[in-house]
Amino acid sequence: MLSSEEAKDILGTAERIFSATVVAQTVKRMAADITTKLSDEYPLVLCVMGGAVVFTGQLLPLLGFPLNFDYLHVSRYDNEVHGGEINWKVTPQENVKGRVVLVLDDVLDEGITLAAIRERVISHGAAAFYSAVFAEKDIGRPKPIHADFVGVVLPNRYVFGFGMDIHGAWRNLPAIYAVKDR
């Protein structure tokens, strides 16, 4: 865990990639796109904790249709910079069988975690699986999954803000920042 001073130093030297205004406009656009696609489906919406909390909290009030809501908690990062093994902390509590499921996540990086979520949801009998990620990182190689709804595309750098953290800090920022290249 970072100290308060370390966290402030990181933000002080970071480069802002997307402003809070762009982030808010992106969430509104995504809500309109999701509403167009899923408004007749009465989906089960699953938030991936903890990164997608900020995105989910701003997106849900903009969706113009009835839905059920639940969450899951799976991670490969656990406040680390590089991903490791899939760690299921909480599986969906709501029954997904026969449901149209929309999974909300903060960032699609390598795609390993979202692909595992899709596999789990489909194996439990979901009628359809959709995913919305606020950001997709351009990593320059193929991924095992593509999100149905993508907000912004990020460079292949370490980013934080709007739900994404750096060593557990700065999920609460309304804009997105990248650590300065060294």
C-alpha atoms as a PDB file:
ATOM      1  CA  MET A   1       0.000   0.000   0.000  1.00  0.00           C
ATOM      2  CA  LEU A   2       1.191   3.471  -0.868  1.00  0.00           C
ATOM      3  CA  SER A   3       1.546   6.194   1.711  1.00  0.00           C
ATOM      4  CA  SER A   4      -0.493   9.346   1.182  1.00  0.00           C
ATOM      5  CA  GLU A   5       2.627  11.214   0.091  1.00  0.00           C
ATOM      6  CA  GLU A   6       3.619   8.485  -2.390  1.00  0.00           C
ATOM      7  CA  ALA A   7       0.126   8.520  -3.896  1.00  0.00           C
ATOM      8  CA  LYS A   8       0.197  12.325  -4.198  1.00  0.00           C
ATOM      9  CA  ASP A   9       3.646  12.187  -5.827  1.00  0.00           C
ATOM     10  CA  ILE A  10       2.411   9.688  -8.425  1.00  0.00           C
ATOM     11  CA  LEU A  11      -0.553  11.892  -9.328  1.00  0.00           C
ATOM     12  CA  GLY A  12       1.664  14.971  -9.399  1.00  0.00           C
ATOM     13  CA  THR A  13       3.912  13.467 -12.064  1.00  0.00           C
ATOM     14  CA  ALA A  14       1.210  11.625 -14.042  1.00  0.00           C
ATOM     15  CA  GLU A  15      -0.099  12.609 -17.453  1.00  0.00           C
ATOM     16  CA  ARG A  16      -3.848  13.184 -17.810  1.00  0.00           C
ATOM     17  CA  ILE A  17      -5.110  10.998 -20.663  1.00  0.00           C
ATOM     18  CA  PHE A  18      -8.867  11.757 -20.485  1.00  0.00           C
ATOM     19  CA  SER A  19     -10.465  14.679 -18.658  1.00  0.00           C
ATOM     20  CA  ALA A  20     -13.434  14.349 -16.312  1.00  0.00           C
ATOM     21  CA  THR A  21     -15.603  15.972 -19.003  1.00  0.00           C
ATOM     22  CA  VAL A  22     -14.606  13.388 -21.605  1.00  0.00           C
ATOM     23  CA  VAL A  23     -15.173  10.589 -19.075  1.00  0.00           C
ATOM     24  CA  ALA A  24     -18.696  11.854 -18.285  1.00  0.00           C
ATOM     25  CA  GLN A  25     -19.554  12.251 -21.984  1.00  0.00           C
ATOM     26  CA  THR A  26     -18.287   8.741 -22.661  1.00  0.00           C
ATOM     27  CA  VAL A  27     -20.480   7.243 -19.925  1.00  0.00           C
ATOM     28  CA  LYS A  28     -23.532   9.019 -21.403  1.00  0.00           C
ATOM     29  CA  ARG A  29     -22.744   7.708 -24.904  1.00  0.00           C
ATOM     30  CA  MET A  30     -22.287   4.186 -23.593  1.00  0.00           C
ATOM     31  CA  ALA A  31     -25.596   4.374 -21.696  1.00  0.00           C
ATOM     32  CA  ALA A  32     -27.395   5.381 -24.895  1.00  0.00           C
ATOM     33  CA  ASP A  33     -25.760   2.520 -26.831  1.00  0.00           C
ATOM     34  CA  ILE A  34     -26.558  -0.044 -24.130  1.00  0.00           C
ATOM     35  CA  THR A  35     -30.141   1.202 -23.836  1.00  0.00           C
ATOM     36  CA  THR A  36     -30.616   0.857 -27.594  1.00  0.00           C
ATOM     37  CA  LYS A  37     -29.313  -2.722 -27.564  1.00  0.00           C
ATOM     38  CA  LEU A  38     -30.739  -4.104 -24.307  1.00  0.00           C
ATOM     39  CA  SER A  39     -33.859  -2.087 -23.474  1.00  0.00           C
ATOM     40  CA  ASP A  40     -36.183  -4.993 -24.315  1.00  0.00           C
ATOM     41  CA  GLU A  41     -34.136  -7.669 -22.524  1.00  0.00           C
ATOM     42  CA  TYR A  42     -34.628  -6.966 -18.769  1.00  0.00           C
ATOM     43  CA  PRO A  43     -31.007  -7.993 -18.164  1.00  0.00           C
ATOM     44  CA  LEU A  44     -29.120  -8.996 -15.085  1.00  0.00           C
ATOM     45  CA  VAL A  45     -26.305  -6.454 -14.760  1.00  0.00           C
ATOM     46  CA  LEU A  46     -23.166  -7.617 -12.950  1.00  0.00           C
ATOM     47  CA  CYS A  47     -20.554  -5.165 -11.696  1.00  0.00           C
ATOM     48  CA  VAL A  48     -16.991  -6.430 -11.437  1.00  0.00           C
ATOM     49  CA  MET A  49     -15.703  -5.272  -8.054  1.00  0.00           C
ATOM     50  CA  GLY A  50     -13.822  -3.135  -7.197  1.00  0.00           C
ATOM     51  CA  GLY A  51     -12.643  -1.399 -10.408  1.00  0.00           C
ATOM     52  CA  ALA A  52     -16.048  -1.104 -12.065  1.00  0.00           C
ATOM     53  CA  VAL A  53     -17.781   0.491  -9.057  1.00  0.00           C
ATOM     54  CA  VAL A  54     -17.240   4.072 -10.220  1.00  0.00           C
ATOM     55  CA  PHE A  55     -18.250   3.285 -13.824  1.00  0.00           C
ATOM     56  CA  THR A  56     -21.281   1.265 -12.691  1.00  0.00           C
ATOM     57  CA  GLY A  57     -22.435   3.941 -10.261  1.00  0.00           C
ATOM     58  CA  GLN A  58     -22.451   6.556 -13.000  1.00  0.00           C
ATOM     59  CA  LEU A  59     -23.834   4.313 -15.758  1.00  0.00           C
ATOM     60  CA  LEU A  60     -26.807   2.644 -14.037  1.00  0.00           C
ATOM     61  CA  PRO A  61     -28.872   5.820 -13.484  1.00  0.00           C
ATOM     62  CA  LEU A  62     -28.561   6.579 -17.213  1.00  0.00           C
ATOM     63  CA  LEU A  63     -29.916   3.223 -18.408  1.00  0.00           C
ATOM     64  CA  GLY A  64     -33.512   3.685 -19.524  1.00  0.00           C
ATOM     65  CA  PHE A  65     -34.890   0.199 -18.875  1.00  0.00           C
ATOM     66  CA  PRO A  66     -35.625  -2.198 -16.008  1.00  0.00           C
ATOM     67  CA  LEU A  67     -32.801  -4.442 -14.876  1.00  0.00           C
ATOM     68  CA  ASN A  68     -31.669  -6.603 -11.995  1.00  0.00           C
ATOM     69  CA  PHE A  69     -28.322  -5.852 -10.395  1.00  0.00           C
ATOM     70  CA  ASP A  70     -25.679  -7.935  -8.675  1.00  0.00           C
ATOM     71  CA  TYR A  71     -21.909  -8.060  -8.494  1.00  0.00           C
ATOM     72  CA  LEU A  72     -19.004 -10.433  -8.709  1.00  0.00           C
ATOM     73  CA  HIS A  73     -15.448 -10.090  -7.505  1.00  0.00           C
ATOM     74  CA  VAL A  74     -12.661 -11.629  -9.480  1.00  0.00           C
ATOM     75  CA  SER A  75      -9.157 -10.312  -9.898  1.00  0.00           C
ATOM     76  CA  ARG A  76      -5.798 -11.025 -11.416  1.00  0.00           C
ATOM     77  CA  TYR A  77      -4.147  -7.926  -9.964  1.00  0.00           C
ATOM     78  CA  ASP A  78      -4.972  -7.514  -6.238  1.00  0.00           C
ATOM     79  CA  ASN A  79      -3.332  -4.050  -6.144  1.00  0.00           C
ATOM     80  CA  GLU A  80      -0.316  -5.290  -8.112  1.00  0.00           C
ATOM     81  CA  VAL A  81       0.967  -3.866 -11.397  1.00  0.00           C
ATOM     82  CA  HIS A  82       1.038  -7.188 -13.285  1.00  0.00           C
ATOM     83  CA  GLY A  83      -1.745  -9.772 -13.488  1.00  0.00           C
ATOM     84  CA  GLY A  84      -1.421 -13.244 -12.033  1.00  0.00           C
ATOM     85  CA  GLU A  85      -3.796 -16.154 -11.551  1.00  0.00           C
ATOM     86  CA  ILE A  86      -7.577 -15.681 -11.622  1.00  0.00           C
ATOM     87  CA  ASN A  87      -8.819 -15.228  -8.055  1.00  0.00           C
ATOM     88  CA  TRP A  88     -12.618 -15.628  -7.627  1.00  0.00           C
ATOM     89  CA  LYS A  89     -13.567 -13.787  -4.453  1.00  0.00           C
ATOM     90  CA  VAL A  90     -17.348 -13.618  -5.024  1.00  0.00           C
ATOM     91  CA  THR A  91     -19.259 -15.384  -7.763  1.00  0.00           C
ATOM     92  CA  PRO A  92     -22.604 -13.927  -8.902  1.00  0.00           C
ATOM     93  CA  GLN A  93     -25.236 -14.439  -6.196  1.00  0.00           C
ATOM     94  CA  GLU A  94     -28.187 -14.031  -8.561  1.00  0.00           C
ATOM     95  CA  ASN A  95     -29.077 -17.005 -10.731  1.00  0.00           C
ATOM     96  CA  VAL A  96     -27.904 -16.301 -14.280  1.00  0.00           C
ATOM     97  CA  LYS A  97     -29.695 -19.293 -15.820  1.00  0.00           C
ATOM     98  CA  GLY A  98     -31.875 -18.207 -18.730  1.00  0.00           C
ATOM     99  CA  ARG A  99     -30.961 -14.529 -18.228  1.00  0.00           C
ATOM    100  CA  VAL A 100     -29.452 -11.968 -20.537  1.00  0.00           C
ATOM    101  CA  VAL A 101     -26.365 -10.863 -18.596  1.00  0.00           C
ATOM    102  CA  LEU A 102     -24.476  -7.592 -18.965  1.00  0.00           C
ATOM    103  CA  VAL A 103     -21.108  -7.466 -17.189  1.00  0.00           C
ATOM    104  CA  LEU A 104     -19.637  -4.036 -16.423  1.00  0.00           C
ATOM    105  CA  ASP A 105     -15.894  -3.669 -15.924  1.00  0.00           C
ATOM    106  CA  ASP A 106     -13.448  -0.804 -15.734  1.00  0.00           C
ATOM    107  CA  VAL A 107     -10.760  -1.855 -18.195  1.00  0.00           C
ATOM    108  CA  LEU A 108     -10.178  -4.597 -20.752  1.00  0.00           C
ATOM    109  CA  ASP A 109      -6.451  -5.146 -20.595  1.00  0.00           C
ATOM    110  CA  GLU A 110      -5.323  -8.613 -21.731  1.00  0.00           C
ATOM    111  CA  GLY A 111      -8.906  -9.948 -21.645  1.00  0.00           C
ATOM    112  CA  ILE A 112      -8.138 -12.965 -19.476  1.00  0.00           C
ATOM    113  CA  THR A 113     -10.397 -11.952 -16.571  1.00  0.00           C
ATOM    114  CA  LEU A 114     -13.379 -10.956 -18.736  1.00  0.00           C
ATOM    115  CA  ALA A 115     -13.040 -14.166 -20.769  1.00  0.00           C
ATOM    116  CA  ALA A 116     -13.130 -16.187 -17.517  1.00  0.00           C
ATOM    117  CA  ILE A 117     -16.230 -14.282 -16.395  1.00  0.00           C
ATOM    118  CA  ARG A 118     -17.941 -14.970 -19.735  1.00  0.00           C
ATOM    119  CA  GLU A 119     -17.078 -18.670 -19.473  1.00  0.00           C
ATOM    120  CA  ARG A 120     -18.479 -18.880 -15.938  1.00  0.00           C
ATOM    121  CA  VAL A 121     -21.700 -17.005 -16.795  1.00  0.00           C
ATOM    122  CA  ILE A 122     -22.347 -19.050 -19.956  1.00  0.00           C
ATOM    123  CA  SER A 123     -21.547 -22.339 -18.178  1.00  0.00           C
ATOM    124  CA  HIS A 124     -24.223 -21.463 -15.599  1.00  0.00           C
ATOM    125  CA  GLY A 125     -26.839 -21.223 -18.352  1.00  0.00           C
ATOM    126  CA  ALA A 126     -27.114 -17.543 -19.270  1.00  0.00           C
ATOM    127  CA  ALA A 127     -29.238 -16.973 -22.366  1.00  0.00           C
ATOM    128  CA  ALA A 128     -26.835 -14.285 -23.617  1.00  0.00           C
ATOM    129  CA  PHE A 129     -23.676 -12.538 -22.456  1.00  0.00           C
ATOM    130  CA  TYR A 130     -22.786  -8.914 -23.089  1.00  0.00           C
ATOM    131  CA  SER A 131     -19.926  -6.892 -21.690  1.00  0.00           C
ATOM    132  CA  ALA A 132     -19.301  -3.180 -21.325  1.00  0.00           C
ATOM    133  CA  VAL A 133     -15.901  -1.831 -20.361  1.00  0.00           C
ATOM    134  CA  PHE A 134     -15.234   1.805 -19.739  1.00  0.00           C
ATOM    135  CA  ALA A 135     -11.768   1.491 -21.255  1.00  0.00           C
ATOM    136  CA  GLU A 136      -9.902  -0.922 -23.475  1.00  0.00           C
ATOM    137  CA  LYS A 137      -6.143  -0.917 -23.465  1.00  0.00           C
ATOM    138  CA  ASP A 138      -4.427  -1.183 -26.857  1.00  0.00           C
ATOM    139  CA  ILE A 139      -1.868  -3.885 -26.058  1.00  0.00           C
ATOM    140  CA  GLY A 140      -0.909  -4.610 -29.664  1.00  0.00           C
ATOM    141  CA  ARG A 141      -1.882  -8.281 -29.674  1.00  0.00           C
ATOM    142  CA  PRO A 142      -5.093 -10.347 -29.929  1.00  0.00           C
ATOM    143  CA  LYS A 143      -7.308 -10.829 -26.868  1.00  0.00           C
ATOM    144  CA  PRO A 144      -9.502 -13.828 -25.988  1.00  0.00           C
ATOM    145  CA  ILE A 145     -12.598 -11.585 -25.805  1.00  0.00           C
ATOM    146  CA  HIS A 146     -13.922  -8.341 -27.233  1.00  0.00           C
ATOM    147  CA  ALA A 147     -16.295  -6.148 -25.250  1.00  0.00           C
ATOM    148  CA  ASP A 148     -19.672  -5.361 -26.791  1.00  0.00           C
ATOM    149  CA  PHE A 149     -19.511  -1.775 -25.539  1.00  0.00           C
ATOM    150  CA  VAL A 150     -16.248   0.151 -25.146  1.00  0.00           C
ATOM    151  CA  GLY A 151     -15.923   3.678 -23.808  1.00  0.00           C
ATOM    152  CA  VAL A 152     -12.390   4.824 -24.593  1.00  0.00           C
ATOM    153  CA  VAL A 153      -9.225   3.226 -25.926  1.00  0.00           C
ATOM    154  CA  LEU A 154      -6.143   3.641 -23.768  1.00  0.00           C
ATOM    155  CA  PRO A 155      -2.488   3.487 -24.711  1.00  0.00           C
ATOM    156  CA  ASN A 156      -0.528   0.499 -23.437  1.00  0.00           C
ATOM    157  CA  ARG A 157       0.608   2.306 -20.297  1.00  0.00           C
ATOM    158  CA  TYR A 158      -0.139   1.994 -16.607  1.00  0.00           C
ATOM    159  CA  VAL A 159      -3.307   4.048 -16.074  1.00  0.00           C
ATOM    160  CA  PHE A 160      -5.384   4.981 -13.056  1.00  0.00           C
ATOM    161  CA  GLY A 161      -8.480   6.964 -12.128  1.00  0.00           C
ATOM    162  CA  PHE A 162     -12.215   6.453 -12.698  1.00  0.00           C
ATOM    163  CA  GLY A 163     -12.167   3.101 -10.899  1.00  0.00           C
ATOM    164  CA  MET A 164      -8.712   1.985 -11.989  1.00  0.00           C
ATOM    165  CA  ASP A 165      -6.097   2.050  -9.264  1.00  0.00           C
ATOM    166  CA  ILE A 166      -2.385   2.362  -8.812  1.00  0.00           C
ATOM    167  CA  HIS A 167      -1.302   0.165  -5.909  1.00  0.00           C
ATOM    168  CA  GLY A 168      -4.798   0.535  -4.440  1.00  0.00           C
ATOM    169  CA  ALA A 169      -4.931   4.344  -4.687  1.00  0.00           C
ATOM    170  CA  TRP A 170      -6.736   6.894  -6.870  1.00  0.00           C
ATOM    171  CA  ARG A 171      -9.796   4.881  -7.975  1.00  0.00           C
ATOM    172  CA  ASN A 172     -11.780   7.971  -6.956  1.00  0.00           C
ATOM    173  CA  LEU A 173     -10.392  10.346  -9.593  1.00  0.00           C
ATOM    174  CA  PRO A 174     -12.962  11.616 -12.134  1.00  0.00           C
ATOM    175  CA  ALA A 175     -10.346  11.667 -14.930  1.00  0.00           C
ATOM    176  CA  ILE A 176      -7.883   9.069 -16.220  1.00  0.00           C
ATOM    177  CA  TYR A 177      -4.148   9.437 -15.804  1.00  0.00           C
ATOM    178  CA  ALA A 178      -1.104   7.515 -16.997  1.00  0.00           C
ATOM    179  CA  VAL A 179       2.142   7.079 -15.134  1.00  0.00           C
ATOM    180  CA  LYS A 180       4.853   9.080 -16.882  1.00  0.00           C
ATOM    181  CA  ASP A 181       7.097   6.999 -19.132  1.00  0.00           C
ATOM    182  CA  ARG A 182      10.533   6.683 -17.626  1.00  0.00           C
END
